[in-house]
Every structure is written in structure tokens, then in C-alpha cells.
Amino acid sequence: MISIASNRVCLFFSFVAVVCAANCANAQTAKPFPQKPIRIVIGFTAGSNSDALARPMARRLAESVGQQVVIDNRPGASGNIAMELVAKSPADGYTVYSGPGSSFTTNPHMQEQMAIDVMRDLLPVAPLGQFSAVLVVHPSVPAKSVAELVALAKRRPGTLNFGSPGYGTGFHLAGELFKARAGIKATHVPYAATSPMLADLIGGRLDMMFFSVVVMAPHVKTGKLRALATTGRTRAEVMPELPTMAEAGVPDYDYSGFHGIFAPAATPPDAVERLNTAIGKVMTLPDVKEYYATQNVEILLLSPADFAKKVRADHDSWGRLIREAGLKAGN
């Protein structure tokens, strides 16, 4: 009898211990997010476009949630070094990748060897915004509209050139999309850095380029370059007088890049939702909205599921263009 009673007592206290442990775990889970610093890994240098878009959000996010938000720049391989680091980090929502959509929509199609499968190993959390580019030409190019530029390219097939900050970058593909939709031929000239590319364009060694509206606006204002159209579905706030490419006569043309936050694929859904909500609140703050507007970035507020659909749709559509254009990985 004593032995049976002792066993029952032991079982009772074991049950109590299990219940207490479960309650403690639930209590920890129930704590508001976040409970420690958040690390945002950026695959590009400090001062880059990706860095400039992430830092204002990170600063206000830290103020909003009461925790430190650390920016960690890990440049290299078009963002792949940073994405691999995040994909292999603890999947708890505290280490995330911040970068352009091209990391997911074009890199997988344009690079032969990647250490991770970005579409499988990283999870879309929240977009920060989307942005268009602008088509500019050197003033020596005898075209004052997109229609005139298309006509010129058809008269002189393959003789016009366009620059980009690298093979397979979004701005390169914006040019390839123009060629495909307008039915023209032009020679792509890739650069390893932005400064020499802009110097060659302003110096007349390049004929045209698709690039950042904000970067090009001052050169257009001074007459060093001529702007013909912007690339999104709607006109750019920074250059509202310019037509879109579709308005200018290039059917079905839409190049809109986006920037977003991504987490390791195994991150729990509740952590993803909490982070999405926290970022969404920050992106609606008046000063944040005003800053992004000056950068020609339209803020996007999407759920993780809807953001994932956008990433997949862009990945598939750019993949088709890359195959149709005959672009090859590693060039």
C-alpha cells in the first residue's frame, strides 16, 4: 500500500511539473513581440539603395517596439551572401533579410550556382514598397519621345546601346523588356559600378539607360540627360509630367521593382504575422511615408500570404522574359 501511494504521489507531482512547464512555455509565447534585438541583414553596402530604404524603417521600428534593431551589411554576390546567412539563422523572426525583389525574381534565373534556394529557404514577411525606373537618353540621341526612340532603333538595329549596373540586374531586365515589347534591337553594356556608368551616359558614350528616378532627376533638370518615360503602371510622383512606357506606346510594359523583408523558411507563422504587423504600422507613419515618397517608393501593405503571391508571380514572369530573351546565367 505504501508503495502504491508513493507512486501515486510521484505521478501527481510529475503531472503538476508538466502542467507548470507548459504554462510557463505558453506565458513566454504570449509575450509581445519582440523580446530582444532584431537583426536586419542587408546584402549591399552602407549607402546603397537597399540600405537607404531599410534604415529609416529600422530606426522607427526600434522606437515602435522598444527594442534595438541592428543593421548588418553583408554585401556581395547580388545579395546572395546575406540571404544565405539569414536562411541558416535561427528561425525565430529575430534575424531577417532586407533586399530588392531581384534577389528572388531574377537571381535564381540568372545565376548558375546559388548556395540556397531562395524561393524555398526564405519566407516573405512584409514588403516595404515598390518603385519604378525612368528611361533617359543622352541629348545627342535624336529622339524626344519613346515613339521616336523606337523608330530610331528600328532604322538602326543593334547600333543603340543601353547601360546597366550589371548583367541580370533589374535595370538590365527593364531594358530587355523594352526590347521585347517594342520589337527592337539594342546592345546591352553592363557595368560593375554605378559611377562609371553614369559618367559614360552623361559623357555620351552610352545612348540610353533605365535607372532610378531619384538619381536621374537632377541630371534631367540640368539638361545633361533627357527623360522619356517612367516604367511603372502609374506615373512617378517625382516626375509626374512624364508618361509611363505604356502611355508612351509600348504595350504591356511594366517594370516595377520592390523591396521587402524575408525570414528563414521555418519561422513560425505567428512570428511572421507579428513582424508583418509591426512593420506595417511603421510604414504608415507620416514621416516614413514622406521619406519614401522622396525616394519614388510607393509603400505596400500586404499580408505575408499576399506578399508571397507577389514574389512568386514576379519570379515566374521575369523567368519567362529571361528565357524568351535568351539570357544565360553567368554572362
Protein backbone atom coordinates (compact mmCIF):
# COMPACT_ATOMS: atom_id res chain seq x y z
CA MET A 1 0.00 0.00 0.00
CA ILE A 2 2.81 2.36 0.90
CA SER A 3 4.49 1.64 -2.43
CA ILE A 4 1.29 2.29 -4.40
CA ALA A 5 0.62 5.52 -2.52
CA SER A 6 4.16 6.70 -3.13
CA ASN A 7 3.84 6.01 -6.82
CA ARG A 8 0.61 7.97 -6.97
CA VAL A 9 2.24 10.88 -5.20
CA CYS A 10 5.15 10.80 -7.64
CA LEU A 11 2.80 10.66 -10.62
CA PHE A 12 0.81 13.58 -9.24
CA PHE A 13 3.85 15.79 -8.82
CA SER A 14 5.13 14.76 -12.24
CA PHE A 15 1.80 15.83 -13.74
CA VAL A 16 1.98 19.13 -11.85
CA ALA A 17 5.51 19.70 -13.16
CA VAL A 18 4.42 19.05 -16.75
CA VAL A 19 1.47 21.42 -16.42
CA CYS A 20 3.66 24.13 -14.89
CA ALA A 21 6.23 23.76 -17.66
CA ALA A 22 3.52 24.02 -20.29
CA ASN A 23 2.04 27.09 -18.63
CA CYS A 24 5.46 28.71 -18.46
CA ALA A 25 6.03 27.98 -22.15
CA ASN A 26 2.63 29.44 -23.02
CA ALA A 27 3.37 32.51 -20.94
CA GLN A 28 6.64 33.04 -22.81
CA THR A 29 4.92 32.56 -26.14
CA ALA A 30 2.28 35.08 -25.15
CA LYS A 31 4.85 37.83 -24.55
CA PRO A 32 4.55 40.68 -27.04
CA PHE A 33 6.97 40.66 -29.96
CA PRO A 34 9.85 41.39 -29.83
CA GLN A 35 11.63 40.46 -26.62
CA LYS A 36 15.18 41.03 -27.87
CA PRO A 37 17.02 42.97 -30.61
CA ILE A 38 16.08 42.37 -34.24
CA ARG A 39 18.88 41.95 -36.76
CA ILE A 40 18.26 43.13 -40.32
CA VAL A 41 20.85 41.76 -42.75
CA ILE A 42 21.32 43.76 -45.97
CA GLY A 43 23.12 42.25 -48.93
CA PHE A 44 24.55 45.54 -50.15
CA THR A 45 26.90 48.24 -48.87
CA ALA A 46 26.04 51.06 -46.49
CA GLY A 47 24.71 53.94 -48.57
CA SER A 48 23.33 51.68 -51.28
CA ASN A 49 19.72 51.94 -52.41
CA SER A 50 18.77 48.87 -50.34
CA ASP A 51 20.49 50.33 -47.29
CA ALA A 52 18.82 53.72 -47.74
CA LEU A 53 15.38 52.12 -47.87
CA ALA A 54 15.86 49.83 -44.87
CA ARG A 55 17.45 52.17 -42.33
CA PRO A 56 14.58 54.68 -41.87
CA MET A 57 12.16 51.80 -41.34
CA ALA A 58 14.56 50.10 -38.91
CA ARG A 59 15.00 53.27 -36.84
CA ARG A 60 11.27 53.81 -36.45
CA LEU A 61 10.66 50.09 -35.86
CA ALA A 62 13.06 50.19 -32.92
CA GLU A 63 11.21 53.17 -31.45
CA SER A 64 7.85 51.49 -32.02
CA VAL A 65 8.60 48.10 -30.44
CA GLY A 66 11.04 49.28 -27.75
CA GLN A 67 13.87 47.02 -28.85
CA GLN A 68 17.12 47.64 -30.67
CA VAL A 69 17.06 47.00 -34.43
CA VAL A 70 20.54 46.32 -35.76
CA ILE A 71 21.53 46.81 -39.40
CA ASP A 72 24.12 44.29 -40.59
CA ASN A 73 25.54 45.00 -44.07
CA ARG A 74 26.85 41.84 -45.76
CA PRO A 75 27.48 42.86 -49.38
CA GLY A 76 28.41 40.51 -52.19
CA ALA A 77 27.07 38.23 -54.91
CA SER A 78 23.97 40.35 -55.59
CA GLY A 79 22.66 39.77 -52.09
CA ASN A 80 23.30 36.03 -52.03
CA ILE A 81 25.83 36.16 -49.16
CA ALA A 82 23.32 37.93 -46.90
CA MET A 83 20.44 35.68 -47.94
CA GLU A 84 22.42 32.53 -47.17
CA LEU A 85 23.35 33.90 -43.74
CA VAL A 86 19.70 34.61 -42.91
CA ALA A 87 18.42 31.31 -44.32
CA LYS A 88 20.77 29.46 -41.96
CA SER A 89 19.99 31.62 -38.91
CA PRO A 90 17.58 30.62 -36.11
CA ALA A 91 14.03 30.72 -37.46
CA ASP A 92 12.53 32.91 -34.73
CA GLY A 93 11.83 36.20 -36.50
CA TYR A 94 14.81 37.98 -34.97
CA THR A 95 17.16 37.68 -37.96
CA VAL A 96 15.73 38.78 -41.31
CA TYR A 97 16.93 39.76 -44.77
CA SER A 98 16.14 43.14 -46.30
CA GLY A 99 16.65 43.45 -50.03
CA PRO A 100 15.30 44.09 -53.51
CA GLY A 101 12.86 41.84 -55.27
CA SER A 102 15.51 40.97 -57.86
CA SER A 103 17.16 38.77 -55.22
CA PHE A 104 14.16 36.48 -55.61
CA THR A 105 12.72 37.24 -59.04
CA THR A 106 15.85 37.30 -61.22
CA ASN A 107 18.84 35.89 -59.31
CA PRO A 108 17.50 32.30 -59.41
CA HIS A 109 17.19 32.53 -63.20
CA MET A 110 20.46 34.36 -63.86
CA GLN A 111 22.96 32.64 -61.56
CA GLU A 112 24.11 29.10 -62.17
CA GLN A 113 25.23 28.34 -58.64
CA MET A 114 23.50 29.61 -55.53
CA ALA A 115 24.16 28.21 -52.06
CA ILE A 116 20.45 28.23 -51.21
CA ASP A 117 17.13 28.03 -52.99
CA VAL A 118 15.77 31.47 -52.13
CA MET A 119 12.20 30.56 -53.06
CA ARG A 120 12.31 27.59 -50.68
CA ASP A 121 14.69 28.66 -47.92
CA LEU A 122 13.40 32.19 -47.26
CA LEU A 123 9.91 33.33 -46.38
CA PRO A 124 8.32 36.65 -47.45
CA VAL A 125 7.42 38.66 -44.33
CA ALA A 126 6.48 42.18 -45.44
CA PRO A 127 7.08 44.49 -48.40
CA LEU A 128 8.46 47.96 -47.79
CA GLY A 129 7.45 49.43 -51.12
CA GLN A 130 7.65 49.31 -54.87
CA PHE A 131 9.36 51.69 -57.27
CA SER A 132 9.62 52.42 -60.96
CA ALA A 133 12.58 53.47 -63.10
CA VAL A 134 12.96 56.13 -65.77
CA LEU A 135 14.14 55.80 -69.37
CA VAL A 136 16.68 58.50 -70.17
CA VAL A 137 18.75 59.22 -73.26
CA HIS A 138 21.79 61.38 -73.88
CA PRO A 139 20.80 64.70 -75.54
CA SER A 140 22.77 63.70 -78.65
CA VAL A 141 20.27 60.91 -79.33
CA PRO A 142 17.76 62.33 -81.86
CA ALA A 143 14.65 61.15 -80.02
CA LYS A 144 12.39 63.30 -77.87
CA SER A 145 9.78 60.63 -77.21
CA VAL A 146 9.63 56.88 -76.77
CA ALA A 147 7.96 56.57 -80.18
CA GLU A 148 10.84 58.44 -81.81
CA LEU A 149 13.36 56.28 -79.96
CA VAL A 150 11.65 53.08 -81.13
CA ALA A 151 11.60 54.37 -84.72
CA LEU A 152 15.30 55.26 -84.48
CA ALA A 153 16.18 51.82 -83.10
CA LYS A 154 14.28 50.13 -85.92
CA ARG A 155 16.11 52.21 -88.53
CA ARG A 156 19.44 51.39 -86.91
CA PRO A 157 19.01 47.89 -85.43
CA GLY A 158 21.60 47.00 -82.83
CA THR A 159 23.52 50.26 -83.04
CA LEU A 160 21.97 51.94 -79.99
CA ASN A 161 23.30 50.82 -76.63
CA PHE A 162 22.00 50.93 -73.08
CA GLY A 163 23.88 50.63 -69.82
CA SER A 164 23.03 48.90 -66.56
CA PRO A 165 24.73 48.32 -63.18
CA GLY A 166 25.26 44.66 -64.06
CA TYR A 167 24.14 41.69 -66.10
CA GLY A 168 20.86 40.34 -64.80
CA THR A 169 20.08 43.34 -62.59
CA GLY A 170 16.60 44.80 -62.56
CA PHE A 171 17.65 47.77 -64.70
CA HIS A 172 19.19 45.43 -67.26
CA LEU A 173 15.94 43.49 -67.44
CA ALA A 174 13.98 46.74 -67.77
CA GLY A 175 15.94 47.31 -70.98
CA GLU A 176 15.37 43.75 -72.16
CA LEU A 177 11.66 44.17 -71.53
CA PHE A 178 11.71 47.35 -73.65
CA LYS A 179 13.41 45.48 -76.49
CA ALA A 180 10.89 42.64 -76.30
CA ARG A 181 7.75 44.78 -76.07
CA ALA A 182 8.87 47.35 -78.69
CA GLY A 183 10.36 44.80 -81.07
CA ILE A 184 13.76 46.49 -81.31
CA LYS A 185 17.42 45.53 -81.03
CA ALA A 186 19.90 47.34 -78.80
CA THR A 187 23.24 46.44 -77.26
CA HIS A 188 23.49 45.97 -73.51
CA VAL A 189 26.60 47.36 -71.76
CA PRO A 190 26.93 46.08 -68.16
CA TYR A 191 28.98 47.92 -65.53
CA ALA A 192 30.46 46.79 -62.26
CA ALA A 193 29.81 50.12 -60.54
CA THR A 194 27.31 52.96 -60.84
CA SER A 195 29.72 55.93 -61.05
CA PRO A 196 31.48 55.00 -64.31
CA MET A 197 28.15 54.01 -65.83
CA LEU A 198 26.63 57.43 -65.11
CA ALA A 199 29.82 59.15 -66.29
CA ASP A 200 29.63 57.33 -69.63
CA LEU A 201 25.94 58.15 -70.03
CA ILE A 202 26.41 61.85 -69.27
CA GLY A 203 29.51 61.88 -71.47
CA GLY A 204 27.59 60.47 -74.42
CA ARG A 205 29.35 57.12 -74.59
CA LEU A 206 26.05 55.45 -73.73
CA ASP A 207 22.87 56.23 -75.65
CA MET A 208 20.22 55.36 -73.08
CA MET A 209 19.53 53.74 -69.74
CA PHE A 210 16.79 52.61 -67.37
CA PHE A 211 17.68 53.71 -63.85
CA SER A 212 16.47 55.20 -60.58
CA VAL A 213 14.10 58.15 -60.97
CA VAL A 214 15.60 59.89 -57.93
CA VAL A 215 19.18 59.52 -59.20
CA MET A 216 18.34 60.66 -62.73
CA ALA A 217 16.08 63.60 -61.83
CA PRO A 218 18.88 66.13 -61.10
CA HIS A 219 20.69 65.30 -64.36
CA VAL A 220 17.44 65.71 -66.30
CA LYS A 221 16.78 69.03 -64.59
CA THR A 222 20.19 70.40 -65.63
CA GLY A 223 19.74 69.20 -69.21
CA LYS A 224 22.56 66.65 -69.09
CA LEU A 225 20.05 63.90 -69.87
CA ARG A 226 16.62 63.73 -71.48
CA ALA A 227 13.87 61.72 -69.77
CA LEU A 228 11.30 59.99 -71.99
CA ALA A 229 9.07 57.87 -69.74
CA THR A 230 8.80 56.04 -66.44
CA THR A 231 8.35 52.31 -66.19
CA GLY A 232 5.56 51.59 -63.72
CA ARG A 233 1.83 51.18 -64.17
CA THR A 234 1.26 54.72 -62.88
CA ARG A 235 3.25 57.93 -63.25
CA ALA A 236 6.09 58.64 -60.83
CA GLU A 237 5.44 61.32 -58.20
CA VAL A 238 8.98 62.64 -58.66
CA MET A 239 8.42 63.16 -62.42
CA PRO A 240 4.63 63.38 -62.87
CA GLU A 241 4.95 65.14 -66.22
CA LEU A 242 6.42 62.01 -67.83
CA PRO A 243 4.17 59.35 -69.37
CA THR A 244 4.52 55.73 -68.43
CA MET A 245 6.05 53.42 -71.02
CA ALA A 246 2.58 52.03 -71.72
CA GLU A 247 1.16 55.54 -72.18
CA ALA A 248 4.08 56.31 -74.49
CA GLY A 249 3.10 53.50 -76.83
CA VAL A 250 4.90 50.38 -75.57
CA PRO A 251 2.11 47.86 -74.90
CA ASP A 252 2.10 45.69 -71.76
CA TYR A 253 5.22 47.37 -70.39
CA ASP A 254 5.50 47.36 -66.60
CA TYR A 255 8.76 47.33 -64.71
CA SER A 256 8.26 47.90 -61.01
CA GLY A 257 10.84 46.74 -58.54
CA PHE A 258 10.09 46.16 -54.87
CA HIS A 259 11.95 45.96 -51.60
CA GLY A 260 10.99 43.69 -48.73
CA ILE A 261 11.76 41.76 -45.57
CA PHE A 262 12.31 37.99 -45.57
CA ALA A 263 12.88 35.43 -42.80
CA PRO A 264 14.18 31.85 -42.62
CA ALA A 265 11.63 29.44 -44.11
CA ALA A 266 10.95 27.62 -40.82
CA THR A 267 9.98 30.79 -38.95
CA PRO A 268 6.68 30.15 -37.11
CA PRO A 269 3.61 31.79 -38.71
CA ASP A 270 2.78 33.76 -35.56
CA ALA A 271 6.26 35.33 -35.51
CA VAL A 272 5.91 36.24 -39.18
CA GLU A 273 2.49 37.79 -38.55
CA ARG A 274 3.73 39.82 -35.57
CA LEU A 275 6.69 41.14 -37.54
CA ASN A 276 4.46 41.93 -40.54
CA THR A 277 2.09 43.88 -38.28
CA ALA A 278 4.91 45.80 -36.58
CA ILE A 279 6.49 46.80 -39.90
CA GLY A 280 3.10 47.71 -41.37
CA LYS A 281 2.44 50.14 -38.52
CA VAL A 282 5.80 51.81 -39.02
CA MET A 283 5.29 52.17 -42.77
CA THR A 284 2.09 54.18 -42.21
CA LEU A 285 3.81 56.80 -40.04
CA PRO A 286 3.68 60.23 -41.77
CA ASP A 287 7.45 60.85 -41.70
CA VAL A 288 8.19 57.39 -43.08
CA LYS A 289 5.66 57.82 -45.88
CA GLU A 290 7.09 61.23 -46.71
CA TYR A 291 10.65 59.89 -46.86
CA TYR A 292 9.73 57.00 -49.13
CA ALA A 293 7.83 59.37 -51.42
CA THR A 294 11.00 61.42 -51.89
CA GLN A 295 12.71 58.18 -52.96
CA ASN A 296 9.97 57.45 -55.53
CA VAL A 297 8.86 54.45 -53.47
CA GLU A 298 5.18 53.60 -53.14
CA ILE A 299 4.54 51.94 -49.80
CA LEU A 300 2.93 48.49 -49.99
CA LEU A 301 0.91 46.99 -47.15
CA LEU A 302 0.43 43.29 -47.79
CA SER A 303 -0.12 40.27 -45.59
CA PRO A 304 2.64 37.64 -45.63
CA ALA A 305 0.44 35.42 -47.83
CA ASP A 306 -0.26 38.18 -50.37
CA PHE A 307 3.37 39.26 -50.38
CA ALA A 308 4.39 35.65 -51.08
CA LYS A 309 1.98 35.57 -54.04
CA LYS A 310 3.56 38.75 -55.45
CA VAL A 311 7.07 37.35 -55.09
CA ARG A 312 6.07 34.12 -56.85
CA ALA A 313 4.24 35.94 -59.66
CA ASP A 314 7.22 38.24 -60.32
CA HIS A 315 9.63 35.30 -60.14
CA ASP A 316 7.64 33.43 -62.80
CA SER A 317 7.06 36.42 -65.12
CA TRP A 318 10.71 37.53 -65.11
CA GLY A 319 11.75 33.93 -65.65
CA ARG A 320 9.68 33.82 -68.83
CA LEU A 321 11.23 37.07 -70.09
CA ILE A 322 14.76 35.82 -69.36
CA ARG A 323 14.11 32.62 -71.31
CA GLU A 324 12.45 34.46 -74.21
CA ALA A 325 15.33 36.96 -74.41
CA GLY A 326 17.84 34.11 -74.48
CA LEU A 327 19.73 35.45 -71.47
CA LYS A 328 22.11 32.96 -69.91
CA ALA A 329 23.30 32.58 -66.36
CA GLY A 330 26.83 33.63 -65.59
CA ASN A 331 27.28 36.06 -68.51
